């Protein structure tokens, strides 16, 4: 069972990385396209910013999930050097539970925003604000799954405690 969880986590991480690659490519292409269009052909297309911003939103929220997974998110380490390995493990479990709680609240609240955003068109694009809100919904859902898997594996003794 734990091997299945580890494999599922790897699949989700791979999916998250591909989403980040595509989001970064969208940001790059549309930002570059805007600069080229400004000084070159002057086309009538004027939605470069909106599409690049949508890519950036997805990059941010899916990237946050990957940062939490890899323990590279921004955090303050005031007492880590003074804690024993047992206390570090307790701190990690409490931190994971806090992340799960926060992400659960986001999941409960975000779907109303997605529903409302479906009626708010992003001018000049086929997208609505719901597409931006879905980035937070998707990122927080993946974060819940990743942290739950990490917590289960940590409690089962399958992972080394991080600090």
N, C-alpha and C. Protein backbone atom coordinates (compact mmCIF):
# COMPACT_ATOMS: atom_id res chain seq x y z
N UNK A 1 0.82 -1.20 0.00
CA UNK A 1 0.00 0.00 0.00
C UNK A 1 0.86 1.26 0.00
N UNK A 2 1.92 1.27 0.81
CA UNK A 2 2.79 2.46 0.86
C UNK A 2 3.51 2.66 -0.47
N UNK A 3 3.85 1.57 -1.15
CA UNK A 3 4.49 1.69 -2.46
C UNK A 3 3.55 2.32 -3.48
N UNK A 4 2.26 1.99 -3.38
CA UNK A 4 1.27 2.58 -4.27
C UNK A 4 1.16 4.09 -4.01
N UNK A 5 1.18 4.47 -2.73
CA UNK A 5 1.15 5.90 -2.37
C UNK A 5 2.36 6.63 -2.91
N UNK A 6 3.54 6.02 -2.77
CA UNK A 6 4.75 6.66 -3.27
C UNK A 6 4.68 6.82 -4.78
N UNK A 7 4.16 5.83 -5.48
CA UNK A 7 4.05 5.90 -6.94
C UNK A 7 3.03 6.96 -7.35
N UNK A 8 1.91 7.03 -6.65
CA UNK A 8 0.90 8.05 -6.94
C UNK A 8 1.47 9.45 -6.73
N UNK A 9 2.26 9.60 -5.67
CA UNK A 9 2.89 10.89 -5.41
C UNK A 9 3.83 11.27 -6.55
N UNK A 10 4.60 10.32 -7.04
CA UNK A 10 5.52 10.59 -8.15
C UNK A 10 4.77 11.00 -9.42
N UNK A 11 3.63 10.37 -9.67
CA UNK A 11 2.82 10.73 -10.84
C UNK A 11 2.29 12.16 -10.70
N UNK A 12 1.81 12.50 -9.51
CA UNK A 12 1.32 13.86 -9.28
C UNK A 12 2.43 14.89 -9.39
N UNK A 13 3.60 14.56 -8.91
CA UNK A 13 4.74 15.48 -9.03
C UNK A 13 5.10 15.68 -10.49
N UNK A 14 5.10 14.61 -11.26
CA UNK A 14 5.39 14.71 -12.68
C UNK A 14 4.34 15.59 -13.38
N UNK A 15 3.07 15.39 -13.05
CA UNK A 15 2.01 16.22 -13.60
C UNK A 15 2.23 17.68 -13.23
N UNK A 16 2.54 17.94 -11.98
CA UNK A 16 2.80 19.31 -11.54
C UNK A 16 3.97 19.95 -12.27
N UNK A 17 5.02 19.19 -12.48
CA UNK A 17 6.19 19.73 -13.21
C UNK A 17 5.84 20.04 -14.65
N UNK A 18 5.04 19.19 -15.28
CA UNK A 18 4.64 19.46 -16.66
C UNK A 18 3.73 20.69 -16.74
N UNK A 19 2.86 20.85 -15.78
CA UNK A 19 2.02 22.05 -15.75
C UNK A 19 2.89 23.29 -15.58
N UNK A 20 3.91 23.20 -14.74
CA UNK A 20 4.81 24.34 -14.57
C UNK A 20 5.58 24.64 -15.84
N UNK A 21 6.04 23.62 -16.54
CA UNK A 21 6.77 23.83 -17.80
C UNK A 21 5.88 24.51 -18.82
N UNK A 22 4.64 24.03 -18.96
CA UNK A 22 3.71 24.62 -19.92
C UNK A 22 3.37 26.06 -19.51
N UNK A 23 3.15 26.29 -18.23
CA UNK A 23 2.83 27.64 -17.74
C UNK A 23 3.98 28.59 -17.98
N UNK A 24 5.19 28.15 -17.72
CA UNK A 24 6.36 28.99 -17.97
C UNK A 24 6.52 29.27 -19.46
N UNK A 25 6.27 28.28 -20.29
CA UNK A 25 6.35 28.48 -21.74
C UNK A 25 5.31 29.50 -22.20
N UNK A 26 4.10 29.42 -21.65
CA UNK A 26 3.06 30.39 -22.00
C UNK A 26 3.49 31.79 -21.61
N UNK A 27 4.03 31.94 -20.41
CA UNK A 27 4.52 33.25 -19.97
C UNK A 27 5.61 33.77 -20.91
N UNK A 28 6.54 32.92 -21.25
CA UNK A 28 7.65 33.30 -22.12
C UNK A 28 7.16 33.68 -23.52
N UNK A 29 6.33 32.85 -24.11
CA UNK A 29 5.87 33.09 -25.48
C UNK A 29 5.05 34.37 -25.57
N UNK A 30 4.11 34.57 -24.64
CA UNK A 30 3.25 35.74 -24.75
C UNK A 30 3.93 37.03 -24.30
N UNK A 31 4.87 36.95 -23.40
CA UNK A 31 5.63 38.15 -23.04
C UNK A 31 6.56 38.55 -24.18
N UNK A 32 7.23 37.57 -24.76
CA UNK A 32 8.10 37.84 -25.92
C UNK A 32 7.27 38.32 -27.10
N UNK A 33 6.12 37.67 -27.32
CA UNK A 33 5.24 38.07 -28.41
C UNK A 33 4.78 39.51 -28.28
N UNK A 34 4.51 39.94 -27.07
CA UNK A 34 4.09 41.32 -26.85
C UNK A 34 5.20 42.29 -27.21
N UNK A 35 6.44 41.98 -26.79
CA UNK A 35 7.57 42.86 -27.11
C UNK A 35 7.82 42.91 -28.61
N UNK A 36 7.76 41.76 -29.26
CA UNK A 36 7.98 41.72 -30.71
C UNK A 36 6.87 42.49 -31.43
N UNK A 37 5.63 42.28 -31.00
CA UNK A 37 4.51 42.95 -31.64
C UNK A 37 4.55 44.46 -31.44
N UNK A 38 5.01 44.88 -30.29
CA UNK A 38 5.08 46.32 -30.01
C UNK A 38 6.04 47.03 -30.96
N UNK A 39 7.16 46.40 -31.26
CA UNK A 39 8.18 47.05 -32.08
C UNK A 39 8.21 46.53 -33.51
N UNK A 40 7.34 45.58 -33.82
CA UNK A 40 7.37 44.97 -35.15
C UNK A 40 6.08 45.14 -35.90
N UNK A 41 5.34 44.06 -36.06
CA UNK A 41 4.19 44.07 -36.97
C UNK A 41 2.96 44.85 -36.48
N UNK A 42 2.86 45.17 -35.22
CA UNK A 42 1.73 45.91 -34.66
C UNK A 42 0.40 45.24 -35.02
N UNK A 43 0.26 43.98 -34.66
CA UNK A 43 -0.97 43.25 -34.98
C UNK A 43 -2.13 43.74 -34.12
N UNK A 44 -3.31 43.31 -34.44
CA UNK A 44 -4.49 43.73 -33.67
C UNK A 44 -4.68 42.88 -32.40
N UNK A 45 -3.88 41.83 -32.24
CA UNK A 45 -3.98 41.00 -31.04
C UNK A 45 -3.47 41.80 -29.85
N UNK A 46 -4.27 41.91 -28.80
CA UNK A 46 -3.88 42.74 -27.66
C UNK A 46 -4.05 42.04 -26.31
N UNK A 47 -4.05 40.72 -26.32
CA UNK A 47 -4.28 39.98 -25.07
C UNK A 47 -3.04 39.29 -24.55
N UNK A 48 -1.88 39.77 -24.94
CA UNK A 48 -0.64 39.15 -24.49
C UNK A 48 -0.55 39.14 -22.97
N UNK A 49 -0.81 40.30 -22.36
CA UNK A 49 -0.70 40.42 -20.90
C UNK A 49 -1.63 39.47 -20.17
N UNK A 50 -2.88 39.40 -20.61
CA UNK A 50 -3.86 38.59 -19.92
C UNK A 50 -3.49 37.11 -19.96
N UNK A 51 -3.02 36.64 -21.10
CA UNK A 51 -2.67 35.23 -21.21
C UNK A 51 -1.39 34.93 -20.43
N UNK A 52 -0.41 35.85 -20.49
CA UNK A 52 0.82 35.65 -19.71
C UNK A 52 0.51 35.66 -18.21
N UNK A 53 -0.39 36.52 -17.78
CA UNK A 53 -0.77 36.56 -16.36
C UNK A 53 -1.46 35.27 -15.94
N UNK A 54 -2.30 34.72 -16.80
CA UNK A 54 -2.95 33.45 -16.50
C UNK A 54 -1.92 32.34 -16.35
N UNK A 55 -0.92 32.32 -17.23
CA UNK A 55 0.17 31.35 -17.11
C UNK A 55 0.93 31.54 -15.81
N UNK A 56 1.15 32.80 -15.43
CA UNK A 56 1.88 33.08 -14.19
C UNK A 56 1.09 32.63 -12.96
N UNK A 57 -0.22 32.79 -12.99
CA UNK A 57 -1.05 32.34 -11.87
C UNK A 57 -0.91 30.83 -11.70
N UNK A 58 -1.01 30.09 -12.80
CA UNK A 58 -0.86 28.63 -12.73
C UNK A 58 0.54 28.25 -12.27
N UNK A 59 1.53 28.96 -12.76
CA UNK A 59 2.92 28.69 -12.36
C UNK A 59 3.09 28.90 -10.86
N UNK A 60 2.48 29.94 -10.33
CA UNK A 60 2.60 30.25 -8.91
C UNK A 60 1.95 29.19 -8.03
N UNK A 61 0.72 28.84 -8.30
CA UNK A 61 0.01 27.94 -7.40
C UNK A 61 0.44 26.49 -7.53
N UNK A 62 0.75 26.04 -8.72
CA UNK A 62 1.26 24.67 -8.86
C UNK A 62 2.70 24.62 -8.35
N UNK A 63 3.46 25.69 -8.60
CA UNK A 63 4.82 25.75 -8.08
C UNK A 63 4.86 25.75 -6.56
N UNK A 64 3.88 26.38 -5.93
CA UNK A 64 3.80 26.36 -4.47
C UNK A 64 3.64 24.93 -3.96
N UNK A 65 2.81 24.15 -4.66
CA UNK A 65 2.61 22.75 -4.25
C UNK A 65 3.94 21.99 -4.33
N UNK A 66 4.68 22.21 -5.39
CA UNK A 66 5.96 21.51 -5.53
C UNK A 66 6.98 21.99 -4.49
N UNK A 67 6.93 23.28 -4.16
CA UNK A 67 7.83 23.80 -3.14
C UNK A 67 7.52 23.22 -1.77
N UNK A 68 6.25 23.10 -1.45
CA UNK A 68 5.85 22.48 -0.18
C UNK A 68 6.32 21.03 -0.15
N UNK A 69 6.16 20.35 -1.25
CA UNK A 69 6.56 18.94 -1.32
C UNK A 69 8.06 18.76 -1.11
N UNK A 70 8.85 19.66 -1.69
CA UNK A 70 10.31 19.56 -1.61
C UNK A 70 10.90 20.30 -0.42
N UNK A 71 10.04 20.88 0.42
CA UNK A 71 10.48 21.65 1.60
C UNK A 71 11.35 22.84 1.21
N UNK A 72 11.06 23.45 0.07
CA UNK A 72 11.81 24.62 -0.37
C UNK A 72 10.97 25.88 -0.30
N UNK A 73 9.77 25.77 0.27
CA UNK A 73 8.95 26.95 0.44
C UNK A 73 9.59 27.86 1.49
N UNK A 74 9.23 29.11 1.45
CA UNK A 74 9.80 30.09 2.40
C UNK A 74 9.23 29.82 3.78
N UNK A 75 10.12 29.72 4.76
CA UNK A 75 9.70 29.51 6.14
C UNK A 75 10.75 30.10 7.06
N UNK A 76 10.38 30.29 8.29
CA UNK A 76 11.28 30.85 9.28
C UNK A 76 11.75 29.72 10.19
N UNK A 77 13.05 29.55 10.28
CA UNK A 77 13.63 28.49 11.11
C UNK A 77 14.31 29.12 12.32
N UNK A 78 13.51 29.42 13.33
CA UNK A 78 14.04 30.07 14.52
C UNK A 78 14.64 29.08 15.51
N UNK A 79 14.03 27.91 15.64
CA UNK A 79 14.45 27.00 16.70
C UNK A 79 14.92 25.65 16.18
N UNK A 80 14.99 25.49 14.87
CA UNK A 80 15.33 24.18 14.30
C UNK A 80 16.67 23.65 14.80
N UNK A 81 17.63 24.52 14.94
CA UNK A 81 18.96 24.08 15.37
C UNK A 81 19.00 23.62 16.82
N UNK A 82 17.99 23.98 17.59
CA UNK A 82 17.96 23.63 19.01
C UNK A 82 17.08 22.41 19.29
N UNK A 83 16.36 21.91 18.29
CA UNK A 83 15.45 20.80 18.51
C UNK A 83 16.13 19.46 18.25
N UNK A 84 15.76 18.50 19.03
CA UNK A 84 16.26 17.13 18.82
C UNK A 84 15.53 16.53 17.63
N UNK A 85 16.03 15.43 17.07
CA UNK A 85 15.34 14.79 15.94
C UNK A 85 13.88 14.42 16.26
N UNK A 86 13.62 14.01 17.49
CA UNK A 86 12.24 13.67 17.87
C UNK A 86 11.33 14.90 17.81
N UNK A 87 11.83 16.02 18.33
CA UNK A 87 11.04 17.25 18.29
C UNK A 87 10.90 17.79 16.87
N UNK A 88 11.93 17.61 16.05
CA UNK A 88 11.83 18.02 14.64
C UNK A 88 10.74 17.22 13.93
N UNK A 89 10.65 15.95 14.24
CA UNK A 89 9.61 15.10 13.64
C UNK A 89 8.23 15.58 14.08
N UNK A 90 8.08 15.93 15.36
CA UNK A 90 6.81 16.45 15.86
C UNK A 90 6.49 17.77 15.16
N UNK A 91 7.49 18.64 15.04
CA UNK A 91 7.28 19.92 14.35
C UNK A 91 6.85 19.70 12.91
N UNK A 92 7.44 18.72 12.23
CA UNK A 92 7.09 18.42 10.85
C UNK A 92 5.65 17.94 10.73
N UNK A 93 5.24 17.10 11.67
CA UNK A 93 3.87 16.57 11.65
C UNK A 93 2.87 17.69 11.91
N UNK A 94 3.16 18.54 12.88
CA UNK A 94 2.28 19.67 13.19
C UNK A 94 2.22 20.62 11.99
N UNK A 95 3.36 20.86 11.36
CA UNK A 95 3.40 21.73 10.17
C UNK A 95 2.57 21.14 9.04
N UNK A 96 2.70 19.84 8.80
CA UNK A 96 1.91 19.19 7.76
C UNK A 96 0.42 19.27 8.06
N UNK A 97 0.05 19.09 9.31
CA UNK A 97 -1.37 19.19 9.69
C UNK A 97 -1.90 20.61 9.49
N UNK A 98 -1.06 21.60 9.79
CA UNK A 98 -1.46 23.00 9.57
C UNK A 98 -1.64 23.28 8.07
N UNK A 99 -0.74 22.76 7.26
CA UNK A 99 -0.86 22.93 5.80
C UNK A 99 -2.14 22.27 5.31
N UNK A 100 -2.41 21.05 5.79
CA UNK A 100 -3.64 20.36 5.40
C UNK A 100 -4.88 21.16 5.77
N UNK A 101 -4.88 21.72 6.97
CA UNK A 101 -6.02 22.54 7.40
C UNK A 101 -6.22 23.76 6.53
N UNK A 102 -5.13 24.46 6.22
CA UNK A 102 -5.21 25.65 5.38
C UNK A 102 -5.70 25.30 3.97
N UNK A 103 -5.14 24.25 3.41
CA UNK A 103 -5.54 23.84 2.06
C UNK A 103 -6.98 23.34 2.03
N UNK A 104 -7.44 22.72 3.10
CA UNK A 104 -8.83 22.27 3.17
C UNK A 104 -9.78 23.48 3.19
N UNK A 105 -9.42 24.52 3.93
CA UNK A 105 -10.24 25.73 3.94
C UNK A 105 -10.27 26.34 2.54
N UNK A 106 -9.13 26.39 1.87
CA UNK A 106 -9.10 26.92 0.51
C UNK A 106 -10.00 26.10 -0.41
N UNK A 107 -9.94 24.76 -0.28
CA UNK A 107 -10.78 23.91 -1.12
C UNK A 107 -12.27 24.17 -0.87
N UNK A 108 -12.63 24.40 0.35
CA UNK A 108 -14.05 24.65 0.66
C UNK A 108 -14.49 25.98 0.05
N UNK A 109 -13.65 27.00 0.11
CA UNK A 109 -14.03 28.35 -0.32
C UNK A 109 -13.84 28.60 -1.81
N UNK A 110 -12.88 27.96 -2.44
CA UNK A 110 -12.49 28.34 -3.80
C UNK A 110 -13.55 28.00 -4.84
N UNK A 111 -14.35 26.98 -4.61
CA UNK A 111 -15.29 26.56 -5.64
C UNK A 111 -16.38 27.59 -5.88
N UNK A 112 -16.72 28.37 -4.88
CA UNK A 112 -17.67 29.47 -5.09
C UNK A 112 -17.04 30.53 -5.99
N UNK A 113 -15.76 30.80 -5.81
CA UNK A 113 -15.07 31.76 -6.68
C UNK A 113 -14.99 31.25 -8.12
N UNK A 114 -14.75 29.95 -8.27
CA UNK A 114 -14.71 29.38 -9.61
C UNK A 114 -16.07 29.56 -10.28
N UNK A 115 -17.12 29.31 -9.53
CA UNK A 115 -18.48 29.46 -10.06
C UNK A 115 -18.76 30.91 -10.46
N UNK A 116 -18.38 31.85 -9.60
CA UNK A 116 -18.58 33.26 -9.92
C UNK A 116 -17.69 33.72 -11.07
N UNK A 117 -16.47 33.21 -11.09
CA UNK A 117 -15.51 33.61 -12.12
C UNK A 117 -15.88 33.13 -13.51
N UNK A 118 -16.74 32.11 -13.59
CA UNK A 118 -17.14 31.59 -14.89
C UNK A 118 -17.90 32.63 -15.70
N UNK A 119 -18.49 33.60 -15.04
CA UNK A 119 -19.22 34.65 -15.73
C UNK A 119 -18.41 35.90 -15.98
N UNK A 120 -17.13 35.88 -15.63
CA UNK A 120 -16.29 37.06 -15.80
C UNK A 120 -15.24 36.79 -16.87
N UNK A 121 -15.52 37.27 -18.07
CA UNK A 121 -14.62 37.03 -19.20
C UNK A 121 -13.34 37.83 -19.02
N UNK A 122 -12.23 37.23 -19.42
CA UNK A 122 -10.96 37.95 -19.49
C UNK A 122 -10.92 38.54 -20.89
N UNK A 123 -10.95 39.83 -20.98
CA UNK A 123 -11.13 40.54 -22.24
C UNK A 123 -10.08 40.13 -23.27
N UNK A 124 -10.56 39.84 -24.45
CA UNK A 124 -9.69 39.52 -25.57
C UNK A 124 -9.22 38.08 -25.59
N UNK A 125 -9.71 37.25 -24.68
CA UNK A 125 -9.29 35.85 -24.63
C UNK A 125 -10.53 34.97 -24.53
N UNK A 126 -10.37 33.69 -24.81
CA UNK A 126 -11.51 32.78 -24.61
C UNK A 126 -11.65 32.32 -23.16
N UNK A 127 -10.85 32.89 -22.26
CA UNK A 127 -10.81 32.46 -20.86
C UNK A 127 -11.69 33.33 -19.99
N UNK A 128 -12.04 32.78 -18.82
CA UNK A 128 -12.76 33.54 -17.80
C UNK A 128 -11.91 33.57 -16.53
N UNK A 129 -12.37 34.31 -15.56
CA UNK A 129 -11.67 34.35 -14.27
C UNK A 129 -11.67 32.99 -13.59
N UNK A 130 -12.60 32.14 -13.97
CA UNK A 130 -12.64 30.79 -13.40
C UNK A 130 -11.36 30.03 -13.70
N UNK A 131 -10.74 30.29 -14.85
CA UNK A 131 -9.50 29.61 -15.19
C UNK A 131 -8.37 30.00 -14.22
N UNK A 132 -8.36 31.24 -13.79
CA UNK A 132 -7.36 31.67 -12.80
C UNK A 132 -7.65 31.05 -11.44
N UNK A 133 -8.92 31.03 -11.05
CA UNK A 133 -9.28 30.45 -9.76
C UNK A 133 -9.05 28.94 -9.73
N UNK A 134 -9.20 28.31 -10.88
CA UNK A 134 -8.94 26.87 -10.96
C UNK A 134 -7.48 26.55 -10.65
N UNK A 135 -6.58 27.49 -10.92
CA UNK A 135 -5.17 27.27 -10.59
C UNK A 135 -5.01 27.09 -9.08
N UNK A 136 -5.68 27.93 -8.30
CA UNK A 136 -5.62 27.80 -6.85
C UNK A 136 -6.32 26.53 -6.39
N UNK A 137 -7.46 26.22 -6.99
CA UNK A 137 -8.18 25.00 -6.63
C UNK A 137 -7.34 23.77 -6.93
N UNK A 138 -6.75 23.72 -8.10
CA UNK A 138 -5.94 22.58 -8.51
C UNK A 138 -4.67 22.48 -7.66
N UNK A 139 -3.99 23.61 -7.46
CA UNK A 139 -2.77 23.61 -6.66
C UNK A 139 -3.01 23.20 -5.22
N UNK A 140 -4.10 23.68 -4.63
CA UNK A 140 -4.38 23.31 -3.24
C UNK A 140 -4.82 21.85 -3.13
N UNK A 141 -5.54 21.36 -4.14
CA UNK A 141 -5.93 19.95 -4.13
C UNK A 141 -4.69 19.05 -4.22
N UNK A 142 -3.77 19.40 -5.13
CA UNK A 142 -2.55 18.62 -5.23
C UNK A 142 -1.72 18.72 -3.95
N UNK A 143 -1.72 19.89 -3.34
CA UNK A 143 -0.97 20.06 -2.10
C UNK A 143 -1.56 19.17 -1.01
N UNK A 144 -2.87 19.07 -0.93
CA UNK A 144 -3.51 18.20 0.07
C UNK A 144 -3.06 16.76 -0.15
N UNK A 145 -3.12 16.31 -1.39
CA UNK A 145 -2.74 14.92 -1.69
C UNK A 145 -1.27 14.69 -1.36
N UNK A 146 -0.41 15.60 -1.78
CA UNK A 146 1.03 15.45 -1.56
C UNK A 146 1.36 15.44 -0.07
N UNK A 147 0.78 16.36 0.68
CA UNK A 147 1.07 16.44 2.12
C UNK A 147 0.48 15.24 2.85
N UNK A 148 -0.71 14.80 2.44
CA UNK A 148 -1.28 13.60 3.06
C UNK A 148 -0.39 12.38 2.83
N UNK A 149 0.09 12.21 1.60
CA UNK A 149 0.99 11.09 1.30
C UNK A 149 2.26 11.22 2.13
N UNK A 150 2.82 12.43 2.17
CA UNK A 150 4.04 12.65 2.95
C UNK A 150 3.81 12.33 4.42
N UNK A 151 2.68 12.76 4.96
CA UNK A 151 2.37 12.52 6.36
C UNK A 151 2.22 11.03 6.64
N UNK A 152 1.52 10.33 5.77
CA UNK A 152 1.34 8.88 5.94
C UNK A 152 2.68 8.17 5.88
N UNK A 153 3.50 8.53 4.90
CA UNK A 153 4.80 7.88 4.76
C UNK A 153 5.72 8.22 5.93
N UNK A 154 5.67 9.47 6.39
CA UNK A 154 6.49 9.86 7.55
C UNK A 154 6.07 9.08 8.80
N UNK A 155 4.77 8.97 9.01
CA UNK A 155 4.28 8.24 10.19
C UNK A 155 4.58 6.75 10.09
N UNK A 156 4.68 6.24 8.86
CA UNK A 156 5.01 4.83 8.66
C UNK A 156 6.51 4.58 8.71
N UNK A 157 7.29 5.66 8.87
CA UNK A 157 8.74 5.52 8.95
C UNK A 157 9.43 5.33 7.62
N UNK A 158 8.77 5.71 6.52
CA UNK A 158 9.34 5.51 5.19
C UNK A 158 10.19 6.67 4.71
N UNK A 159 10.16 7.79 5.41
CA UNK A 159 10.91 8.96 4.99
C UNK A 159 11.80 9.43 6.13
N UNK A 160 12.90 10.07 5.77
CA UNK A 160 13.77 10.67 6.77
C UNK A 160 13.19 12.02 7.14
N UNK A 161 13.19 12.32 8.42
CA UNK A 161 12.67 13.62 8.88
C UNK A 161 13.51 14.74 8.28
N UNK A 162 12.85 15.77 7.83
CA UNK A 162 13.54 16.90 7.23
C UNK A 162 13.71 18.00 8.25
N UNK A 163 14.65 18.85 8.00
CA UNK A 163 14.84 20.01 8.88
C UNK A 163 15.35 21.18 8.11
